[in-house]
Amino acid sequence: VLTTLNAFSRLEPIKALLFGNSMLLDEQEDLLCCRDMFWENSTHGIN
């Protein structure tokens, strides 16, 4: 359990770059992966 969670936490930034296909076309197109922003800067991310 611990080894898996620690490994996946370290892979998260790499995964965001490899699968950075979440663009807001016609708006903020400099963002390659906006899904993290959607979650982290919503009410889900208050904590």
All heavy atoms as atom14 arrays in JSON, in Angstrom:
{
  "sequence": "VLTTLNAFSRLEPIKALLFGNSMLLDEQEDLLCCRDMFWENSTHGIN",
  "atom14_mask": [
    [1, 1, 1, 1, 1, 1, 1, 0, 0, 0, 0, 0, 0, 0],
    [1, 1, 1, 1, 1, 1, 1, 1, 0, 0, 0, 0, 0, 0],
    [1, 1, 1, 1, 1, 1, 1, 0, 0, 0, 0, 0, 0, 0],
    [1, 1, 1, 1, 1, 1, 1, 0, 0, 0, 0, 0, 0, 0],
    [1, 1, 1, 1, 1, 1, 1, 1, 0, 0, 0, 0, 0, 0],
    [1, 1, 1, 1, 1, 1, 1, 1, 0, 0, 0, 0, 0, 0],
    [1, 1, 1, 1, 1, 0, 0, 0, 0, 0, 0, 0, 0, 0],
    [1, 1, 1, 1, 1, 1, 1, 1, 1, 1, 1, 0, 0, 0],
    [1, 1, 1, 1, 1, 1, 0, 0, 0, 0, 0, 0, 0, 0],
    [1, 1, 1, 1, 1, 1, 1, 1, 1, 1, 1, 0, 0, 0],
    [1, 1, 1, 1, 1, 1, 1, 1, 0, 0, 0, 0, 0, 0],
    [1, 1, 1, 1, 1, 1, 1, 1, 1, 0, 0, 0, 0, 0],
    [1, 1, 1, 1, 1, 1, 1, 0, 0, 0, 0, 0, 0, 0],
    [1, 1, 1, 1, 1, 1, 1, 1, 0, 0, 0, 0, 0, 0],
    [1, 1, 1, 1, 1, 1, 1, 1, 1, 0, 0, 0, 0, 0],
    [1, 1, 1, 1, 1, 0, 0, 0, 0, 0, 0, 0, 0, 0],
    [1, 1, 1, 1, 1, 1, 1, 1, 0, 0, 0, 0, 0, 0],
    [1, 1, 1, 1, 1, 1, 1, 1, 0, 0, 0, 0, 0, 0],
    [1, 1, 1, 1, 1, 1, 1, 1, 1, 1, 1, 0, 0, 0],
    [1, 1, 1, 1, 0, 0, 0, 0, 0, 0, 0, 0, 0, 0],
    [1, 1, 1, 1, 1, 1, 1, 1, 0, 0, 0, 0, 0, 0],
    [1, 1, 1, 1, 1, 1, 0, 0, 0, 0, 0, 0, 0, 0],
    [1, 1, 1, 1, 1, 1, 1, 1, 0, 0, 0, 0, 0, 0],
    [1, 1, 1, 1, 1, 1, 1, 1, 0, 0, 0, 0, 0, 0],
    [1, 1, 1, 1, 1, 1, 1, 1, 0, 0, 0, 0, 0, 0],
    [1, 1, 1, 1, 1, 1, 1, 1, 0, 0, 0, 0, 0, 0],
    [1, 1, 1, 1, 1, 1, 1, 1, 1, 0, 0, 0, 0, 0],
    [1, 1, 1, 1, 1, 1, 1, 1, 1, 0, 0, 0, 0, 0],
    [1, 1, 1, 1, 1, 1, 1, 1, 1, 0, 0, 0, 0, 0],
    [1, 1, 1, 1, 1, 1, 1, 1, 0, 0, 0, 0, 0, 0],
    [1, 1, 1, 1, 1, 1, 1, 1, 0, 0, 0, 0, 0, 0],
    [1, 1, 1, 1, 1, 1, 1, 1, 0, 0, 0, 0, 0, 0],
    [1, 1, 1, 1, 1, 1, 0, 0, 0, 0, 0, 0, 0, 0],
    [1, 1, 1, 1, 1, 1, 0, 0, 0, 0, 0, 0, 0, 0],
    [1, 1, 1, 1, 1, 1, 1, 1, 1, 1, 1, 0, 0, 0],
    [1, 1, 1, 1, 1, 1, 1, 1, 0, 0, 0, 0, 0, 0],
    [1, 1, 1, 1, 1, 1, 1, 1, 0, 0, 0, 0, 0, 0],
    [1, 1, 1, 1, 1, 1, 1, 1, 1, 1, 1, 0, 0, 0],
    [1, 1, 1, 1, 1, 1, 1, 1, 1, 1, 1, 1, 1, 1],
    [1, 1, 1, 1, 1, 1, 1, 1, 1, 0, 0, 0, 0, 0],
    [1, 1, 1, 1, 1, 1, 1, 1, 0, 0, 0, 0, 0, 0],
    [1, 1, 1, 1, 1, 1, 0, 0, 0, 0, 0, 0, 0, 0],
    [1, 1, 1, 1, 1, 1, 1, 0, 0, 0, 0, 0, 0, 0],
    [1, 1, 1, 1, 1, 1, 1, 1, 1, 1, 0, 0, 0, 0],
    [1, 1, 1, 1, 0, 0, 0, 0, 0, 0, 0, 0, 0, 0],
    [1, 1, 1, 1, 1, 1, 1, 1, 0, 0, 0, 0, 0, 0],
    [1, 1, 1, 1, 1, 1, 1, 1, 0, 0, 0, 0, 0, 0]
  ],
  "atom14_positions": [
    [[0.83, -1.21, 0.0], [0.0, 0.0, 0.0], [0.86, 1.26, 0.0], [0.68, 2.16, -0.83], [-0.96, 0.01, 1.21], [-1.6, 1.39, 1.36], [-2.05, -1.03, 1.03], [0.0, 0.0, 0.0], [0.0, 0.0, 0.0], [0.0, 0.0, 0.0], [0.0, 0.0, 0.0], [0.0, 0.0, 0.0], [0.0, 0.0, 0.0], [0.0, 0.0, 0.0]],
    [[1.78, 1.35, 0.92], [2.58, 2.57, 1.06], [3.48, 2.79, -0.14], [3.59, 3.92, -0.66], [3.4, 2.53, 2.35], [2.6, 2.44, 3.65], [3.55, 2.34, 4.84], [1.68, 3.65, 3.8], [0.0, 0.0, 0.0], [0.0, 0.0, 0.0], [0.0, 0.0, 0.0], [0.0, 0.0, 0.0], [0.0, 0.0, 0.0], [0.0, 0.0, 0.0]],
    [[4.14, 1.72, -0.6], [5.02, 1.83, -1.76], [4.24, 2.31, -2.98], [4.71, 3.18, -3.73], [5.67, 0.47, -2.07], [6.39, 0.03, -0.93], [6.62, 0.59, -3.25], [0.0, 0.0, 0.0], [0.0, 0.0, 0.0], [0.0, 0.0, 0.0], [0.0, 0.0, 0.0], [0.0, 0.0, 0.0], [0.0, 0.0, 0.0], [0.0, 0.0, 0.0]],
    [[3.05, 1.75, -3.18], [2.22, 2.12, -4.33], [1.79, 3.58, -4.26], [1.9, 4.33, -5.24], [0.99, 1.21, -4.41], [1.4, -0.15, -4.47], [0.15, 1.54, -5.64], [0.0, 0.0, 0.0], [0.0, 0.0, 0.0], [0.0, 0.0, 0.0], [0.0, 0.0, 0.0], [0.0, 0.0, 0.0], [0.0, 0.0, 0.0], [0.0, 0.0, 0.0]],
    [[1.31, 4.02, -3.11], [0.85, 5.4, -2.97], [1.99, 6.39, -3.13], [1.85, 7.43, -3.8], [0.17, 5.59, -1.62], [-1.21, 4.95, -1.47], [-1.71, 5.09, -0.04], [-2.22, 5.59, -2.43], [0.0, 0.0, 0.0], [0.0, 0.0, 0.0], [0.0, 0.0, 0.0], [0.0, 0.0, 0.0], [0.0, 0.0, 0.0], [0.0, 0.0, 0.0]],
    [[3.13, 6.09, -2.54], [4.28, 6.98, -2.68], [4.74, 7.06, -4.13], [5.09, 8.14, -4.63], [5.43, 6.49, -1.79], [5.2, 6.77, -0.31], [4.58, 7.76, 0.04], [5.69, 5.89, 0.55], [0.0, 0.0, 0.0], [0.0, 0.0, 0.0], [0.0, 0.0, 0.0], [0.0, 0.0, 0.0], [0.0, 0.0, 0.0], [0.0, 0.0, 0.0]],
    [[4.73, 5.93, -4.83], [5.16, 5.92, -6.23], [4.21, 6.71, -7.11], [4.64, 7.52, -7.94], [5.27, 4.48, -6.72], [0.0, 0.0, 0.0], [0.0, 0.0, 0.0], [0.0, 0.0, 0.0], [0.0, 0.0, 0.0], [0.0, 0.0, 0.0], [0.0, 0.0, 0.0], [0.0, 0.0, 0.0], [0.0, 0.0, 0.0], [0.0, 0.0, 0.0]],
    [[2.91, 6.5, -6.93], [1.95, 7.21, -7.77], [1.95, 8.71, -7.49], [1.7, 9.51, -8.4], [0.54, 6.62, -7.58], [0.27, 5.45, -8.48], [0.73, 4.19, -8.16], [-0.43, 5.61, -9.67], [0.5, 3.11, -8.99], [-0.66, 4.53, -10.51], [-0.2, 3.28, -10.17], [0.0, 0.0, 0.0], [0.0, 0.0, 0.0], [0.0, 0.0, 0.0]],
    [[2.22, 9.1, -6.26], [2.3, 10.53, -5.95], [3.45, 11.18, -6.73], [3.34, 12.3, -7.21], [2.51, 10.75, -4.45], [1.33, 10.43, -3.73], [0.0, 0.0, 0.0], [0.0, 0.0, 0.0], [0.0, 0.0, 0.0], [0.0, 0.0, 0.0], [0.0, 0.0, 0.0], [0.0, 0.0, 0.0], [0.0, 0.0, 0.0], [0.0, 0.0, 0.0]],
    [[4.56, 10.46, -6.85], [5.71, 11.0, -7.58], [5.48, 10.99, -9.09], [6.07, 11.8, -9.83], [6.97, 10.2, -7.23], [7.52, 10.57, -5.86], [8.42, 9.49, -5.3], [9.02, 9.91, -4.04], [8.35, 10.0, -2.89], [7.07, 9.71, -2.84], [8.97, 10.41, -1.79], [0.0, 0.0, 0.0], [0.0, 0.0, 0.0], [0.0, 0.0, 0.0]],
    [[4.65, 10.08, -9.56], [4.36, 10.01, -10.99], [3.35, 11.07, -11.44], [3.25, 11.36, -12.63], [3.81, 8.62, -11.35], [4.8, 7.46, -11.33], [4.05, 6.14, -11.51], [5.83, 7.63, -12.43], [0.0, 0.0, 0.0], [0.0, 0.0, 0.0], [0.0, 0.0, 0.0], [0.0, 0.0, 0.0], [0.0, 0.0, 0.0], [0.0, 0.0, 0.0]],
    [[2.62, 11.64, -10.51], [1.52, 12.54, -10.87], [1.96, 13.71, -11.75], [1.32, 13.99, -12.78], [0.85, 13.06, -9.59], [-0.48, 13.77, -9.83], [-1.58, 12.83, -10.29], [-1.48, 11.61, -10.07], [-2.54, 13.33, -10.9], [0.0, 0.0, 0.0], [0.0, 0.0, 0.0], [0.0, 0.0, 0.0], [0.0, 0.0, 0.0], [0.0, 0.0, 0.0]],
    [[3.02, 14.45, -11.41], [3.42, 15.56, -12.29], [3.83, 15.09, -13.68], [3.56, 15.77, -14.68], [4.6, 16.2, -11.54], [4.46, 15.74, -10.12], [3.86, 14.37, -10.21], [0.0, 0.0, 0.0], [0.0, 0.0, 0.0], [0.0, 0.0, 0.0], [0.0, 0.0, 0.0], [0.0, 0.0, 0.0], [0.0, 0.0, 0.0], [0.0, 0.0, 0.0]],
    [[4.5, 13.93, -13.74], [4.92, 13.4, -15.05], [3.7, 13.01, -15.87], [3.63, 13.27, -17.07], [5.85, 12.18, -14.83], [7.08, 12.6, -14.02], [6.27, 11.58, -16.17], [7.94, 11.46, -13.57], [0.0, 0.0, 0.0], [0.0, 0.0, 0.0], [0.0, 0.0, 0.0], [0.0, 0.0, 0.0], [0.0, 0.0, 0.0], [0.0, 0.0, 0.0]],
    [[2.74, 12.4, -15.21], [1.51, 11.99, -15.89], [0.78, 13.19, -16.48], [0.26, 13.15, -17.6], [0.59, 11.25, -14.92], [-0.65, 10.65, -15.57], [-1.52, 9.97, -14.53], [-2.2, 11.0, -13.63], [-3.16, 10.38, -12.69], [0.0, 0.0, 0.0], [0.0, 0.0, 0.0], [0.0, 0.0, 0.0], [0.0, 0.0, 0.0], [0.0, 0.0, 0.0]],
    [[0.76, 14.29, -15.73], [0.09, 15.5, -16.22], [0.74, 16.02, -17.5], [0.06, 16.54, -18.39], [0.11, 16.57, -15.14], [0.0, 0.0, 0.0], [0.0, 0.0, 0.0], [0.0, 0.0, 0.0], [0.0, 0.0, 0.0], [0.0, 0.0, 0.0], [0.0, 0.0, 0.0], [0.0, 0.0, 0.0], [0.0, 0.0, 0.0], [0.0, 0.0, 0.0]],
    [[2.06, 15.87, -17.61], [2.76, 16.32, -18.82], [2.54, 15.35, -19.98], [2.3, 15.75, -21.11], [4.25, 16.46, -18.54], [4.67, 17.58, -17.59], [6.15, 17.5, -17.28], [4.34, 18.94, -18.2], [0.0, 0.0, 0.0], [0.0, 0.0, 0.0], [0.0, 0.0, 0.0], [0.0, 0.0, 0.0], [0.0, 0.0, 0.0], [0.0, 0.0, 0.0]],
    [[2.61, 14.05, -19.68], [2.44, 13.04, -20.73], [1.04, 13.08, -21.34], [0.85, 12.87, -22.53], [2.72, 11.65, -20.18], [4.17, 11.31, -19.86], [4.26, 9.94, -19.2], [5.03, 11.33, -21.12], [0.0, 0.0, 0.0], [0.0, 0.0, 0.0], [0.0, 0.0, 0.0], [0.0, 0.0, 0.0], [0.0, 0.0, 0.0], [0.0, 0.0, 0.0]],
    [[0.04, 13.33, -20.5], [-1.34, 13.32, -20.96], [-1.95, 14.72, -20.87], [-3.1, 14.89, -20.52], [-2.15, 12.32, -20.14], [-1.58, 10.93, -20.19], [-0.87, 10.41, -19.11], [-1.73, 10.14, -21.32], [-0.33, 9.13, -19.16], [-1.19, 8.86, -21.37], [-0.49, 8.36, -20.29], [0.0, 0.0, 0.0], [0.0, 0.0, 0.0], [0.0, 0.0, 0.0]],
    [[-1.13, 15.72, -21.25], [-1.58, 17.1, -21.17], [-2.47, 17.48, -22.34], [-2.14, 18.38, -23.11], [0.0, 0.0, 0.0], [0.0, 0.0, 0.0], [0.0, 0.0, 0.0], [0.0, 0.0, 0.0], [0.0, 0.0, 0.0], [0.0, 0.0, 0.0], [0.0, 0.0, 0.0], [0.0, 0.0, 0.0], [0.0, 0.0, 0.0], [0.0, 0.0, 0.0]],
    [[-3.59, 16.78, -22.5], [-4.48, 17.03, -23.64], [-5.76, 17.73, -23.21], [-6.77, 17.67, -23.9], [-4.83, 15.7, -24.34], [-5.65, 14.78, -23.44], [-5.72, 14.99, -22.23], [-6.28, 13.78, -24.03], [0.0, 0.0, 0.0], [0.0, 0.0, 0.0], [0.0, 0.0, 0.0], [0.0, 0.0, 0.0], [0.0, 0.0, 0.0], [0.0, 0.0, 0.0]],
    [[-5.74, 18.36, -22.05], [-6.94, 19.01, -21.52], [-6.82, 20.52, -21.67], [-6.52, 21.25, -20.73], [-7.13, 18.63, -20.04], [-7.18, 17.23, -19.9], [0.0, 0.0, 0.0], [0.0, 0.0, 0.0], [0.0, 0.0, 0.0], [0.0, 0.0, 0.0], [0.0, 0.0, 0.0], [0.0, 0.0, 0.0], [0.0, 0.0, 0.0], [0.0, 0.0, 0.0]],
    [[-7.03, 20.98, -22.9], [-6.84, 22.4, -23.22], [-8.18, 23.11, -23.35], [-9.17, 22.53, -23.8], [-6.07, 22.54, -24.53], [-4.66, 21.98, -24.47], [-3.83, 22.05, -26.07], [-4.68, 20.72, -26.93], [0.0, 0.0, 0.0], [0.0, 0.0, 0.0], [0.0, 0.0, 0.0], [0.0, 0.0, 0.0], [0.0, 0.0, 0.0], [0.0, 0.0, 0.0]],
    [[-8.19, 24.37, -22.95], [-9.36, 25.22, -23.16], [-9.18, 25.92, -24.5], [-8.64, 27.03, -24.58], [-9.48, 26.24, -22.03], [-10.01, 25.71, -20.7], [-9.85, 26.76, -19.6], [-11.47, 25.31, -20.81], [0.0, 0.0, 0.0], [0.0, 0.0, 0.0], [0.0, 0.0, 0.0], [0.0, 0.0, 0.0], [0.0, 0.0, 0.0], [0.0, 0.0, 0.0]],
    [[-9.6, 25.27, -25.57], [-9.45, 25.85, -26.9], [-10.19, 27.17, -26.99], [-11.29, 27.32, -26.46], [-9.96, 24.86, -27.96], [-9.2, 23.53, -28.05], [-9.8, 22.66, -29.14], [-7.72, 23.77, -28.32], [0.0, 0.0, 0.0], [0.0, 0.0, 0.0], [0.0, 0.0, 0.0], [0.0, 0.0, 0.0], [0.0, 0.0, 0.0], [0.0, 0.0, 0.0]],
    [[-9.59, 28.14, -27.67], [-10.13, 29.49, -27.82], [-10.1, 30.28, -26.51], [-10.67, 31.35, -26.42], [-11.57, 29.48, -28.36], [-11.68, 28.8, -29.71], [-10.74, 28.95, -30.52], [-12.69, 28.12, -29.96], [0.0, 0.0, 0.0], [0.0, 0.0, 0.0], [0.0, 0.0, 0.0], [0.0, 0.0, 0.0], [0.0, 0.0, 0.0], [0.0, 0.0, 0.0]],
    [[-9.44, 29.72, -25.5], [-9.39, 30.4, -24.21], [-8.28, 29.78, -23.38], [-8.26, 28.57, -23.16], [-10.74, 30.24, -23.48], [-10.83, 31.01, -22.18], [-12.19, 30.78, -21.5], [-13.05, 30.13, -22.1], [-12.35, 31.27, -20.38], [0.0, 0.0, 0.0], [0.0, 0.0, 0.0], [0.0, 0.0, 0.0], [0.0, 0.0, 0.0], [0.0, 0.0, 0.0]],
    [[-7.33, 30.57, -22.93], [-6.22, 30.1, -22.12], [-5.53, 28.89, -22.77], [-5.3, 27.86, -22.13], [-6.7, 29.73, -20.72], [-7.3, 30.9, -19.94], [-7.57, 30.55, -18.49], [-6.72, 29.99, -17.81], [-8.75, 30.92, -18.01], [0.0, 0.0, 0.0], [0.0, 0.0, 0.0], [0.0, 0.0, 0.0], [0.0, 0.0, 0.0], [0.0, 0.0, 0.0]],
    [[-5.19, 29.03, -24.03], [-4.6, 27.91, -24.76], [-3.16, 27.6, -24.34], [-2.58, 26.61, -24.78], [-4.66, 28.16, -26.27], [-6.09, 28.15, -26.82], [-6.13, 28.18, -28.33], [-5.06, 28.21, -28.96], [-7.24, 28.18, -28.89], [0.0, 0.0, 0.0], [0.0, 0.0, 0.0], [0.0, 0.0, 0.0], [0.0, 0.0, 0.0], [0.0, 0.0, 0.0]],
    [[-2.6, 28.43, -23.46], [-1.25, 28.14, -22.96], [-1.29, 27.06, -21.87], [-0.25, 26.54, -21.48], [-0.61, 29.42, -22.4], [-1.45, 30.09, -21.33], [-2.7, 30.0, -21.41], [-0.88, 30.72, -20.43], [0.0, 0.0, 0.0], [0.0, 0.0, 0.0], [0.0, 0.0, 0.0], [0.0, 0.0, 0.0], [0.0, 0.0, 0.0], [0.0, 0.0, 0.0]],
    [[-2.48, 26.71, -21.4], [-2.62, 25.64, -20.42], [-2.69, 24.3, -21.14], [-3.62, 24.05, -21.91], [-3.9, 25.83, -19.6], [-3.9, 26.9, -18.51], [-5.29, 27.05, -17.92], [-2.92, 26.55, -17.41], [0.0, 0.0, 0.0], [0.0, 0.0, 0.0], [0.0, 0.0, 0.0], [0.0, 0.0, 0.0], [0.0, 0.0, 0.0], [0.0, 0.0, 0.0]],
    [[-1.7, 23.44, -20.92], [-1.73, 22.12, -21.54], [-2.64, 21.15, -20.81], [-3.18, 20.22, -21.4], [-0.32, 21.54, -21.59], [0.65, 22.17, -22.59], [2.02, 21.5, -22.48], [0.12, 22.06, -24.0], [0.0, 0.0, 0.0], [0.0, 0.0, 0.0], [0.0, 0.0, 0.0], [0.0, 0.0, 0.0], [0.0, 0.0, 0.0], [0.0, 0.0, 0.0]],
    [[-2.79, 21.35, -19.52], [-3.61, 20.44, -18.72], [-4.37, 21.26, -17.67], [-3.82, 21.58, -16.62], [-2.75, 19.37, -18.05], [-3.71, 18.11, -17.17], [0.0, 0.0, 0.0], [0.0, 0.0, 0.0], [0.0, 0.0, 0.0], [0.0, 0.0, 0.0], [0.0, 0.0, 0.0], [0.0, 0.0, 0.0], [0.0, 0.0, 0.0], [0.0, 0.0, 0.0]],
    [[-5.6, 21.6, -17.99], [-6.37, 22.46, -17.07], [-7.22, 21.64, -16.09], [-7.84, 22.22, -15.2], [-7.26, 23.42, -17.86], [-8.5, 22.59, -18.89], [0.0, 0.0, 0.0], [0.0, 0.0, 0.0], [0.0, 0.0, 0.0], [0.0, 0.0, 0.0], [0.0, 0.0, 0.0], [0.0, 0.0, 0.0], [0.0, 0.0, 0.0], [0.0, 0.0, 0.0]],
    [[-7.23, 20.31, -16.22], [-8.07, 19.53, -15.33], [-7.64, 19.66, -13.87], [-8.48, 19.67, -12.97], [-8.08, 18.05, -15.74], [-8.86, 17.77, -17.01], [-9.26, 16.31, -17.13], [-10.44, 16.02, -16.34], [-10.44, 15.5, -15.12], [-9.3, 15.24, -14.52], [-11.57, 15.26, -14.5], [0.0, 0.0, 0.0], [0.0, 0.0, 0.0], [0.0, 0.0, 0.0]],
    [[-6.33, 19.74, -13.62], [-5.88, 19.93, -12.24], [-6.44, 21.23, -11.67], [-6.88, 21.28, -10.52], [-4.35, 19.94, -12.17], [-3.75, 18.55, -12.41], [-4.53, 17.58, -12.46], [-2.53, 18.45, -12.55], [0.0, 0.0, 0.0], [0.0, 0.0, 0.0], [0.0, 0.0, 0.0], [0.0, 0.0, 0.0], [0.0, 0.0, 0.0], [0.0, 0.0, 0.0]],
    [[-6.4, 22.29, -12.5], [-6.95, 23.57, -12.06], [-8.44, 23.45, -11.76], [-8.95, 24.01, -10.78], [-6.73, 24.64, -13.13], [-7.33, 25.99, -12.77], [-7.47, 27.12, -14.17], [-8.82, 26.38, -15.1], [0.0, 0.0, 0.0], [0.0, 0.0, 0.0], [0.0, 0.0, 0.0], [0.0, 0.0, 0.0], [0.0, 0.0, 0.0], [0.0, 0.0, 0.0]],
    [[-9.18, 22.73, -12.63], [-10.61, 22.57, -12.41], [-10.9, 22.02, -11.03], [-11.8, 22.51, -10.33], [-11.2, 21.61, -13.46], [-11.4, 22.22, -14.83], [-11.46, 21.42, -15.95], [-11.55, 23.6, -14.98], [-11.66, 21.97, -17.21], [-11.74, 24.16, -16.24], [-11.8, 23.34, -17.35], [0.0, 0.0, 0.0], [0.0, 0.0, 0.0], [0.0, 0.0, 0.0]],
    [[-10.15, 21.02, -10.61], [-10.39, 20.41, -9.3], [-9.82, 21.23, -8.16], [-10.51, 21.5, -7.18], [-9.78, 18.99, -9.28], [-10.62, 18.0, -10.01], [-10.64, 17.78, -11.35], [-11.59, 17.12, -9.45], [-11.55, 16.8, -11.66], [-12.16, 16.37, -10.52], [-12.03, 16.87, -8.15], [-13.14, 15.41, -10.32], [-13.0, 15.9, -7.95], [-13.55, 15.19, -9.02]],
    [[-8.57, 21.63, -8.3], [-7.88, 22.26, -7.18], [-8.39, 23.66, -6.88], [-8.32, 24.11, -5.73], [-6.38, 22.28, -7.46], [-5.77, 20.88, -7.47], [-4.35, 20.85, -7.98], [-3.78, 21.95, -8.22], [-3.79, 19.75, -8.14], [0.0, 0.0, 0.0], [0.0, 0.0, 0.0], [0.0, 0.0, 0.0], [0.0, 0.0, 0.0], [0.0, 0.0, 0.0]],
    [[-8.9, 24.36, -7.89], [-9.4, 25.72, -7.68], [-10.92, 25.8, -7.74], [-11.5, 26.79, -8.17], [-8.78, 26.68, -8.7], [-7.28, 26.82, -8.53], [-6.5, 26.36, -9.36], [-6.86, 27.42, -7.43], [0.0, 0.0, 0.0], [0.0, 0.0, 0.0], [0.0, 0.0, 0.0], [0.0, 0.0, 0.0], [0.0, 0.0, 0.0], [0.0, 0.0, 0.0]],
    [[-11.54, 24.72, -7.3], [-12.99, 24.68, -7.12], [-13.27, 24.43, -5.65], [-12.35, 24.35, -4.83], [-13.59, 23.54, -7.97], [-13.26, 22.28, -7.4], [0.0, 0.0, 0.0], [0.0, 0.0, 0.0], [0.0, 0.0, 0.0], [0.0, 0.0, 0.0], [0.0, 0.0, 0.0], [0.0, 0.0, 0.0], [0.0, 0.0, 0.0], [0.0, 0.0, 0.0]],
    [[-14.53, 24.28, -5.29], [-14.86, 24.0, -3.89], [-14.3, 22.64, -3.44], [-14.18, 22.4, -2.24], [-16.38, 24.03, -3.66], [-17.03, 23.22, -4.65], [-16.91, 25.46, -3.76], [0.0, 0.0, 0.0], [0.0, 0.0, 0.0], [0.0, 0.0, 0.0], [0.0, 0.0, 0.0], [0.0, 0.0, 0.0], [0.0, 0.0, 0.0], [0.0, 0.0, 0.0]],
    [[-13.95, 21.77, -4.39], [-13.29, 20.52, -4.01], [-11.93, 20.8, -3.36], [-11.45, 20.0, -2.56], [-13.06, 19.63, -5.24], [-14.3, 18.93, -5.71], [-15.19, 18.32, -4.86], [-14.79, 18.73, -6.96], [-16.17, 17.77, -5.55], [-15.96, 18.01, -6.83], [0.0, 0.0, 0.0], [0.0, 0.0, 0.0], [0.0, 0.0, 0.0], [0.0, 0.0, 0.0]],
    [[-11.3, 21.91, -3.75], [-9.96, 22.2, -3.3], [-9.88, 23.09, -2.07], [-8.78, 23.51, -1.68], [0.0, 0.0, 0.0], [0.0, 0.0, 0.0], [0.0, 0.0, 0.0], [0.0, 0.0, 0.0], [0.0, 0.0, 0.0], [0.0, 0.0, 0.0], [0.0, 0.0, 0.0], [0.0, 0.0, 0.0], [0.0, 0.0, 0.0], [0.0, 0.0, 0.0]],
    [[-11.01, 23.38, -1.44], [-10.98, 24.18, -0.21], [-10.09, 23.49, 0.82], [-9.31, 24.13, 1.54], [-12.4, 24.39, 0.33], [-13.17, 25.33, -0.61], [-12.38, 24.95, 1.75], [-14.63, 25.52, -0.25], [0.0, 0.0, 0.0], [0.0, 0.0, 0.0], [0.0, 0.0, 0.0], [0.0, 0.0, 0.0], [0.0, 0.0, 0.0], [0.0, 0.0, 0.0]],
    [[-10.2, 22.18, 0.89], [-9.25, 21.38, 1.66], [-8.3, 20.74, 0.66], [-8.68, 19.84, -0.09], [-9.97, 20.29, 2.46], [-9.02, 19.45, 3.31], [-7.8, 19.48, 3.12], [-9.57, 18.68, 4.23], [0.0, 0.0, 0.0], [0.0, 0.0, 0.0], [0.0, 0.0, 0.0], [0.0, 0.0, 0.0], [0.0, 0.0, 0.0], [0.0, 0.0, 0.0]]
  ]
}
